[in-house]
């Protein structure tokens, strides 16, 4: 009788551990997906930043040329 109760309790604990494992596995997968999206978004933002810097540098250069030609 006691052995049956111990086995049922152990089975219940094992099932709880398996459920928790599945939850953590799903959560981990979501975190990895989110990380991938954030890394990609960062790459796109850096590309936009580089383009903006290049455009600003070009405008500054043009303004300097205009300034020199009007002196």
PDB file of N, CA and C in Angstrom:
ATOM      1  N   UNK A   1       0.818  -1.195   0.000  1.00  0.00           N
ATOM      2  CA  UNK A   1       0.000   0.000   0.000  1.00  0.00           C
ATOM      3  C   UNK A   1       0.863   1.260   0.000  1.00  0.00           C
ATOM      4  N   UNK A   2       1.829   1.322   0.889  1.00  0.00           N
ATOM      5  CA  UNK A   2       2.698   2.488   0.962  1.00  0.00           C
ATOM      6  C   UNK A   2       3.522   2.616  -0.307  1.00  0.00           C
ATOM      7  N   UNK A   3       3.953   1.502  -0.848  1.00  0.00           N
ATOM      8  CA  UNK A   3       4.746   1.515  -2.074  1.00  0.00           C
ATOM      9  C   UNK A   3       3.933   2.079  -3.233  1.00  0.00           C
ATOM     10  N   UNK A   4       2.647   1.719  -3.330  1.00  0.00           N
ATOM     11  CA  UNK A   4       1.781   2.252  -4.378  1.00  0.00           C
ATOM     12  C   UNK A   4       1.650   3.761  -4.254  1.00  0.00           C
ATOM     13  N   UNK A   5       1.491   4.249  -3.045  1.00  0.00           N
ATOM     14  CA  UNK A   5       1.367   5.694  -2.820  1.00  0.00           C
ATOM     15  C   UNK A   5       2.659   6.410  -3.187  1.00  0.00           C
ATOM     16  N   UNK A   6       3.778   5.815  -2.813  1.00  0.00           N
ATOM     17  CA  UNK A   6       5.066   6.413  -3.164  1.00  0.00           C
ATOM     18  C   UNK A   6       5.264   6.453  -4.670  1.00  0.00           C
ATOM     19  N   UNK A   7       4.885   5.384  -5.341  1.00  0.00           N
ATOM     20  CA  UNK A   7       5.014   5.347  -6.801  1.00  0.00           C
ATOM     21  C   UNK A   7       4.096   6.363  -7.467  1.00  0.00           C
ATOM     22  N   UNK A   8       2.871   6.500  -6.962  1.00  0.00           N
ATOM     23  CA  UNK A   8       1.939   7.487  -7.520  1.00  0.00           C
ATOM     24  C   UNK A   8       2.464   8.903  -7.291  1.00  0.00           C
ATOM     25  N   UNK A   9       3.022   9.144  -6.114  1.00  0.00           N
ATOM     26  CA  UNK A   9       3.591  10.460  -5.808  1.00  0.00           C
ATOM     27  C   UNK A   9       4.788  10.742  -6.715  1.00  0.00           C
ATOM     28  N   UNK A  10       5.626   9.759  -6.894  1.00  0.00           N
ATOM     29  CA  UNK A  10       6.786   9.904  -7.772  1.00  0.00           C
ATOM     30  C   UNK A  10       6.342  10.150  -9.215  1.00  0.00           C
ATOM     31  N   UNK A  11       5.332   9.435  -9.650  1.00  0.00           N
ATOM     32  CA  UNK A  11       4.804   9.623 -11.004  1.00  0.00           C
ATOM     33  C   UNK A  11       4.260  11.042 -11.178  1.00  0.00           C
ATOM     34  N   UNK A  12       3.573  11.513 -10.161  1.00  0.00           N
ATOM     35  CA  UNK A  12       3.019  12.869 -10.204  1.00  0.00           C
ATOM     36  C   UNK A  12       4.142  13.905 -10.292  1.00  0.00           C
ATOM     37  N   UNK A  13       5.205  13.703  -9.530  1.00  0.00           N
ATOM     38  CA  UNK A  13       6.347  14.623  -9.555  1.00  0.00           C
ATOM     39  C   UNK A  13       7.055  14.593 -10.906  1.00  0.00           C
ATOM     40  N   UNK A  14       7.186  13.409 -11.469  1.00  0.00           N
ATOM     41  CA  UNK A  14       7.830  13.283 -12.782  1.00  0.00           C
ATOM     42  C   UNK A  14       6.998  13.990 -13.853  1.00  0.00           C
ATOM     43  N   UNK A  15       5.686  13.824 -13.805  1.00  0.00           N
ATOM     44  CA  UNK A  15       4.812  14.508 -14.766  1.00  0.00           C
ATOM     45  C   UNK A  15       4.917  16.025 -14.609  1.00  0.00           C
ATOM     46  N   UNK A  16       4.991  16.501 -13.366  1.00  0.00           N
ATOM     47  CA  UNK A  16       5.135  17.935 -13.126  1.00  0.00           C
ATOM     48  C   UNK A  16       6.459  18.442 -13.688  1.00  0.00           C
ATOM     49  N   UNK A  17       7.518  17.673 -13.512  1.00  0.00           N
ATOM     50  CA  UNK A  17       8.822  18.052 -14.061  1.00  0.00           C
ATOM     51  C   UNK A  17       8.804  18.079 -15.584  1.00  0.00           C
ATOM     52  N   UNK A  18       8.156  17.107 -16.176  1.00  0.00           N
ATOM     53  CA  UNK A  18       8.051  17.076 -17.644  1.00  0.00           C
ATOM     54  C   UNK A  18       7.274  18.291 -18.140  1.00  0.00           C
ATOM     55  N   UNK A  19       6.168  18.617 -17.472  1.00  0.00           N
ATOM     56  CA  UNK A  19       5.384  19.802 -17.853  1.00  0.00           C
ATOM     57  C   UNK A  19       6.228  21.071 -17.739  1.00  0.00           C
ATOM     58  N   UNK A  20       6.970  21.182 -16.645  1.00  0.00           N
ATOM     59  CA  UNK A  20       7.816  22.369 -16.435  1.00  0.00           C
ATOM     60  C   UNK A  20       8.910  22.440 -17.491  1.00  0.00           C
ATOM     61  N   UNK A  21       9.472  21.292 -17.836  1.00  0.00           N
ATOM     62  CA  UNK A  21      10.490  21.234 -18.874  1.00  0.00           C
ATOM     63  C   UNK A  21       9.928  21.748 -20.206  1.00  0.00           C
ATOM     64  N   UNK A  22       8.720  21.301 -20.561  1.00  0.00           N
ATOM     65  CA  UNK A  22       8.101  21.742 -21.818  1.00  0.00           C
ATOM     66  C   UNK A  22       7.847  23.247 -21.801  1.00  0.00           C
ATOM     67  N   UNK A  23       7.404  23.765 -20.672  1.00  0.00           N
ATOM     68  CA  UNK A  23       7.171  25.214 -20.555  1.00  0.00           C
ATOM     69  C   UNK A  23       8.479  25.985 -20.753  1.00  0.00           C
ATOM     70  N   UNK A  24       9.523  25.532 -20.090  1.00  0.00           N
ATOM     71  CA  UNK A  24      10.817  26.208 -20.203  1.00  0.00           C
ATOM     72  C   UNK A  24      11.389  26.102 -21.612  1.00  0.00           C
ATOM     73  N   UNK A  25      11.188  24.962 -22.236  1.00  0.00           N
ATOM     74  CA  UNK A  25      11.660  24.775 -23.610  1.00  0.00           C
ATOM     75  C   UNK A  25      10.964  25.756 -24.551  1.00  0.00           C
ATOM     76  N   UNK A  26       9.638  25.882 -24.406  1.00  0.00           N
ATOM     77  CA  UNK A  26       8.881  26.825 -25.237  1.00  0.00           C
ATOM     78  C   UNK A  26       9.317  28.266 -24.974  1.00  0.00           C
ATOM     79  N   UNK A  27       9.490  28.588 -23.707  1.00  0.00           N
ATOM     80  CA  UNK A  27       9.923  29.933 -23.336  1.00  0.00           C
ATOM     81  C   UNK A  27      11.302  30.242 -23.916  1.00  0.00           C
ATOM     82  N   UNK A  28      12.195  29.292 -23.830  1.00  0.00           N
ATOM     83  CA  UNK A  28      13.541  29.460 -24.368  1.00  0.00           C
ATOM     84  C   UNK A  28      13.501  29.679 -25.876  1.00  0.00           C
ATOM     85  N   UNK A  29      12.655  28.932 -26.548  1.00  0.00           N
ATOM     86  CA  UNK A  29      12.540  29.089 -28.008  1.00  0.00           C
ATOM     87  C   UNK A  29      12.008  30.480 -28.357  1.00  0.00           C
ATOM     88  N   UNK A  30      11.035  30.964 -27.591  1.00  0.00           N
ATOM     89  CA  UNK A  30      10.503  32.310 -27.825  1.00  0.00           C
ATOM     90  C   UNK A  30      11.580  33.367 -27.597  1.00  0.00           C
ATOM     91  N   UNK A  31      12.385  33.181 -26.560  1.00  0.00           N
ATOM     92  CA  UNK A  31      13.466  34.127 -26.286  1.00  0.00           C
ATOM     93  C   UNK A  31      14.482  34.150 -27.418  1.00  0.00           C
ATOM     94  N   UNK A  32      14.820  32.979 -27.944  1.00  0.00           N
ATOM     95  CA  UNK A  32      15.766  32.920 -29.057  1.00  0.00           C
ATOM     96  C   UNK A  32      15.187  33.598 -30.303  1.00  0.00           C
ATOM     97  N   UNK A  33      13.910  33.399 -30.552  1.00  0.00           N
ATOM     98  CA  UNK A  33      13.267  34.049 -31.701  1.00  0.00           C
ATOM     99  C   UNK A  33      13.270  35.563 -31.522  1.00  0.00           C
ATOM    100  N   UNK A  34      12.942  35.992 -30.310  1.00  0.00           N
ATOM    101  CA  UNK A  34      12.946  37.424 -30.017  1.00  0.00           C
ATOM    102  C   UNK A  34      14.332  38.027 -30.164  1.00  0.00           C
ATOM    103  N   UNK A  35      15.334  37.293 -29.727  1.00  0.00           N
ATOM    104  CA  UNK A  35      16.721  37.758 -29.845  1.00  0.00           C
ATOM    105  C   UNK A  35      17.093  37.912 -31.314  1.00  0.00           C
ATOM    106  N   UNK A  36      16.713  36.938 -32.129  1.00  0.00           N
ATOM    107  CA  UNK A  36      17.016  37.009 -33.559  1.00  0.00           C
ATOM    108  C   UNK A  36      16.387  38.259 -34.174  1.00  0.00           C
ATOM    109  N   UNK A  37      15.129  38.527 -33.829  1.00  0.00           N
ATOM    110  CA  UNK A  37      14.453  39.705 -34.377  1.00  0.00           C
ATOM    111  C   UNK A  37      15.116  40.995 -33.919  1.00  0.00           C
ATOM    112  N   UNK A  38      15.531  41.044 -32.661  1.00  0.00           N
ATOM    113  CA  UNK A  38      16.196  42.246 -32.146  1.00  0.00           C
ATOM    114  C   UNK A  38      17.551  42.471 -32.817  1.00  0.00           C
ATOM    115  N   UNK A  39      18.282  41.403 -33.046  1.00  0.00           N
ATOM    116  CA  UNK A  39      19.579  41.523 -33.718  1.00  0.00           C
ATOM    117  C   UNK A  39      19.372  42.039 -35.130  1.00  0.00           C
ATOM    118  N   UNK A  40      18.379  41.515 -35.819  1.00  0.00           N
ATOM    119  CA  UNK A  40      18.092  41.967 -37.191  1.00  0.00           C
ATOM    120  C   UNK A  40      17.656  43.434 -37.196  1.00  0.00           C
ATOM    121  N   UNK A  41      16.819  43.806 -36.243  1.00  0.00           N
ATOM    122  CA  UNK A  41      16.373  45.199 -36.154  1.00  0.00           C
ATOM    123  C   UNK A  41      17.565  46.119 -35.894  1.00  0.00           C
ATOM    124  N   UNK A  42      18.477  45.685 -35.034  1.00  0.00           N
ATOM    125  CA  UNK A  42      19.677  46.477 -34.752  1.00  0.00           C
ATOM    126  C   UNK A  42      20.508  46.659 -36.017  1.00  0.00           C
ATOM    127  N   UNK A  43      20.655  45.593 -36.795  1.00  0.00           N
ATOM    128  CA  UNK A  43      21.415  45.678 -38.047  1.00  0.00           C
ATOM    129  C   UNK A  43      20.786  46.699 -38.995  1.00  0.00           C
ATOM    130  N   UNK A  44      19.460  46.654 -39.111  1.00  0.00           N
ATOM    131  CA  UNK A  44      18.771  47.601 -39.991  1.00  0.00           C
ATOM    132  C   UNK A  44      18.933  49.032 -39.503  1.00  0.00           C
ATOM    133  N   UNK A  45      18.844  49.231 -38.191  1.00  0.00           N
ATOM    134  CA  UNK A  45      19.015  50.576 -37.635  1.00  0.00           C
ATOM    135  C   UNK A  45      20.441  51.087 -37.850  1.00  0.00           C
ATOM    136  N   UNK A  46      21.425  50.213 -37.716  1.00  0.00           N
ATOM    137  CA  UNK A  46      22.809  50.626 -37.958  1.00  0.00           C
ATOM    138  C   UNK A  46      23.013  51.006 -39.427  1.00  0.00           C
ATOM    139  N   UNK A  47      22.387  50.265 -40.325  1.00  0.00           N
ATOM    140  CA  UNK A  47      22.474  50.610 -41.750  1.00  0.00           C
ATOM    141  C   UNK A  47      21.856  51.978 -42.008  1.00  0.00           C
ATOM    142  N   UNK A  48      20.688  52.229 -41.409  1.00  0.00           N
ATOM    143  CA  UNK A  48      20.045  53.532 -41.568  1.00  0.00           C
ATOM    144  C   UNK A  48      20.909  54.645 -40.986  1.00  0.00           C
ATOM    145  N   UNK A  49      21.525  54.375 -39.846  1.00  0.00           N
ATOM    146  CA  UNK A  49      22.387  55.362 -39.205  1.00  0.00           C
ATOM    147  C   UNK A  49      23.582  55.684 -40.096  1.00  0.00           C
ATOM    148  N   UNK A  50      24.208  54.652 -40.651  1.00  0.00           N
ATOM    149  CA  UNK A  50      25.349  54.868 -41.537  1.00  0.00           C
ATOM    150  C   UNK A  50      24.950  55.685 -42.762  1.00  0.00           C
ATOM    151  N   UNK A  51      23.779  55.404 -43.301  1.00  0.00           N
ATOM    152  CA  UNK A  51      23.289  56.158 -44.461  1.00  0.00           C
ATOM    153  C   UNK A  51      23.043  57.616 -44.083  1.00  0.00           C
ATOM    154  N   UNK A  52      22.446  57.833 -42.912  1.00  0.00           N
ATOM    155  CA  UNK A  52      22.182  59.198 -42.459  1.00  0.00           C
ATOM    156  C   UNK A  52      23.490  59.958 -42.222  1.00  0.00           C
ATOM    157  N   UNK A  53      24.466  59.301 -41.621  1.00  0.00           N
ATOM    158  CA  UNK A  53      25.770  59.944 -41.393  1.00  0.00           C
ATOM    159  C   UNK A  53      26.408  60.328 -42.720  1.00  0.00           C
ATOM    160  N   UNK A  54      26.340  59.424 -43.681  1.00  0.00           N
ATOM    161  CA  UNK A  54      26.909  59.691 -45.001  1.00  0.00           C
ATOM    162  C   UNK A  54      26.217  60.879 -45.662  1.00  0.00           C
ATOM    163  N   UNK A  55      24.902  60.943 -45.560  1.00  0.00           N
ATOM    164  CA  UNK A  55      24.159  62.057 -46.152  1.00  0.00           C
ATOM    165  C   UNK A  55      24.505  63.374 -45.460  1.00  0.00           C
ATOM    166  N   UNK A  56      24.634  63.351 -44.147  1.00  0.00           N
ATOM    167  CA  UNK A  56      24.986  64.568 -43.401  1.00  0.00           C
ATOM    168  C   UNK A  56      26.383  65.032 -43.776  1.00  0.00           C
ATOM    169  N   UNK A  57      27.324  64.083 -43.849  1.00  0.00           N
ATOM    170  CA  UNK A  57      28.681  64.445 -44.242  1.00  0.00           C
ATOM    171  C   UNK A  57      28.702  65.049 -45.637  1.00  0.00           C
ATOM    172  N   UNK A  58      27.898  64.503 -46.529  1.00  0.00           N
ATOM    173  CA  UNK A  58      27.818  65.022 -47.899  1.00  0.00           C
ATOM    174  C   UNK A  58      27.250  66.442 -47.896  1.00  0.00           C
ATOM    175  N   UNK A  59      26.204  66.661 -47.114  1.00  0.00           N
ATOM    176  CA  UNK A  59      25.613  68.000 -47.033  1.00  0.00           C
ATOM    177  C   UNK A  59      26.594  69.007 -46.435  1.00  0.00           C
ATOM    178  N   UNK A  60      27.303  68.616 -45.399  1.00  0.00           N
ATOM    179  CA  UNK A  60      28.294  69.503 -44.785  1.00  0.00           C
ATOM    180  C   UNK A  60      29.373  69.857 -45.802  1.00  0.00           C
ATOM    181  N   UNK A  61      29.816  68.875 -46.550  1.00  0.00           N
ATOM    182  CA  UNK A  61      30.830  69.115 -47.583  1.00  0.00           C
ATOM    183  C   UNK A  61      30.311  70.094 -48.634  1.00  0.00           C
ATOM    184  N   UNK A  62      29.077  69.924 -49.068  1.00  0.00           N
ATOM    185  CA  UNK A  62      28.482  70.831 -50.056  1.00  0.00           C
ATOM    186  C   UNK A  62      28.356  72.243 -49.486  1.00  0.00           C
ATOM    187  N   UNK A  63      27.958  72.345 -48.226  1.00  0.00           N
ATOM    188  CA  UNK A  63      27.831  73.654 -47.593  1.00  0.00           C
ATOM    189  C   UNK A  63      29.190  74.332 -47.494  1.00  0.00           C
ATOM    190  N   UNK A  64      30.228  73.571 -47.163  1.00  0.00           N
ATOM    191  CA  UNK A  64      31.575  74.155 -47.105  1.00  0.00           C
ATOM    192  C   UNK A  64      32.013  74.647 -48.471  1.00  0.00           C
ATOM    193  N   UNK A  65      31.696  73.877 -49.518  1.00  0.00           N
ATOM    194  CA  UNK A  65      32.042  74.268 -50.893  1.00  0.00           C
ATOM    195  C   UNK A  65      31.318  75.557 -51.267  1.00  0.00           C
ATOM    196  N   UNK A  66      30.050  75.630 -50.925  1.00  0.00           N
ATOM    197  CA  UNK A  66      29.266  76.830 -51.213  1.00  0.00           C
ATOM    198  C   UNK A  66      29.840  78.024 -50.450  1.00  0.00           C
ATOM    199  N   UNK A  67      30.192  77.800 -49.188  1.00  0.00           N
ATOM    200  CA  UNK A  67      30.737  78.866 -48.358  1.00  0.00           C
ATOM    201  C   UNK A  67      32.060  79.397 -48.922  1.00  0.00           C
ATOM    202  N   UNK A  68      32.934  78.484 -49.353  1.00  0.00           N
ATOM    203  CA  UNK A  68      34.239  78.873 -49.912  1.00  0.00           C
ATOM    204  C   UNK A  68      34.040  79.618 -51.210  1.00  0.00           C
ATOM    205  N   UNK A  69      33.100  79.194 -52.042  1.00  0.00           N
ATOM    206  CA  UNK A  69      32.900  79.827 -53.339  1.00  0.00           C
ATOM    207  C   UNK A  69      32.267  81.212 -53.216  1.00  0.00           C
ATOM    208  N   UNK A  70      31.625  81.506 -52.085  1.00  0.00           N
ATOM    209  CA  UNK A  70      30.997  82.812 -51.876  1.00  0.00           C
ATOM    210  C   UNK A  70      31.898  83.783 -51.111  1.00  0.00           C
ATOM    211  N   UNK A  71      33.092  83.359 -50.766  1.00  0.00           N
ATOM    212  CA  UNK A  71      33.992  84.253 -50.017  1.00  0.00           C
ATOM    213  C   UNK A  71      34.722  85.185 -50.916  1.00  0.00           C
TER     214      UNK A  71
END
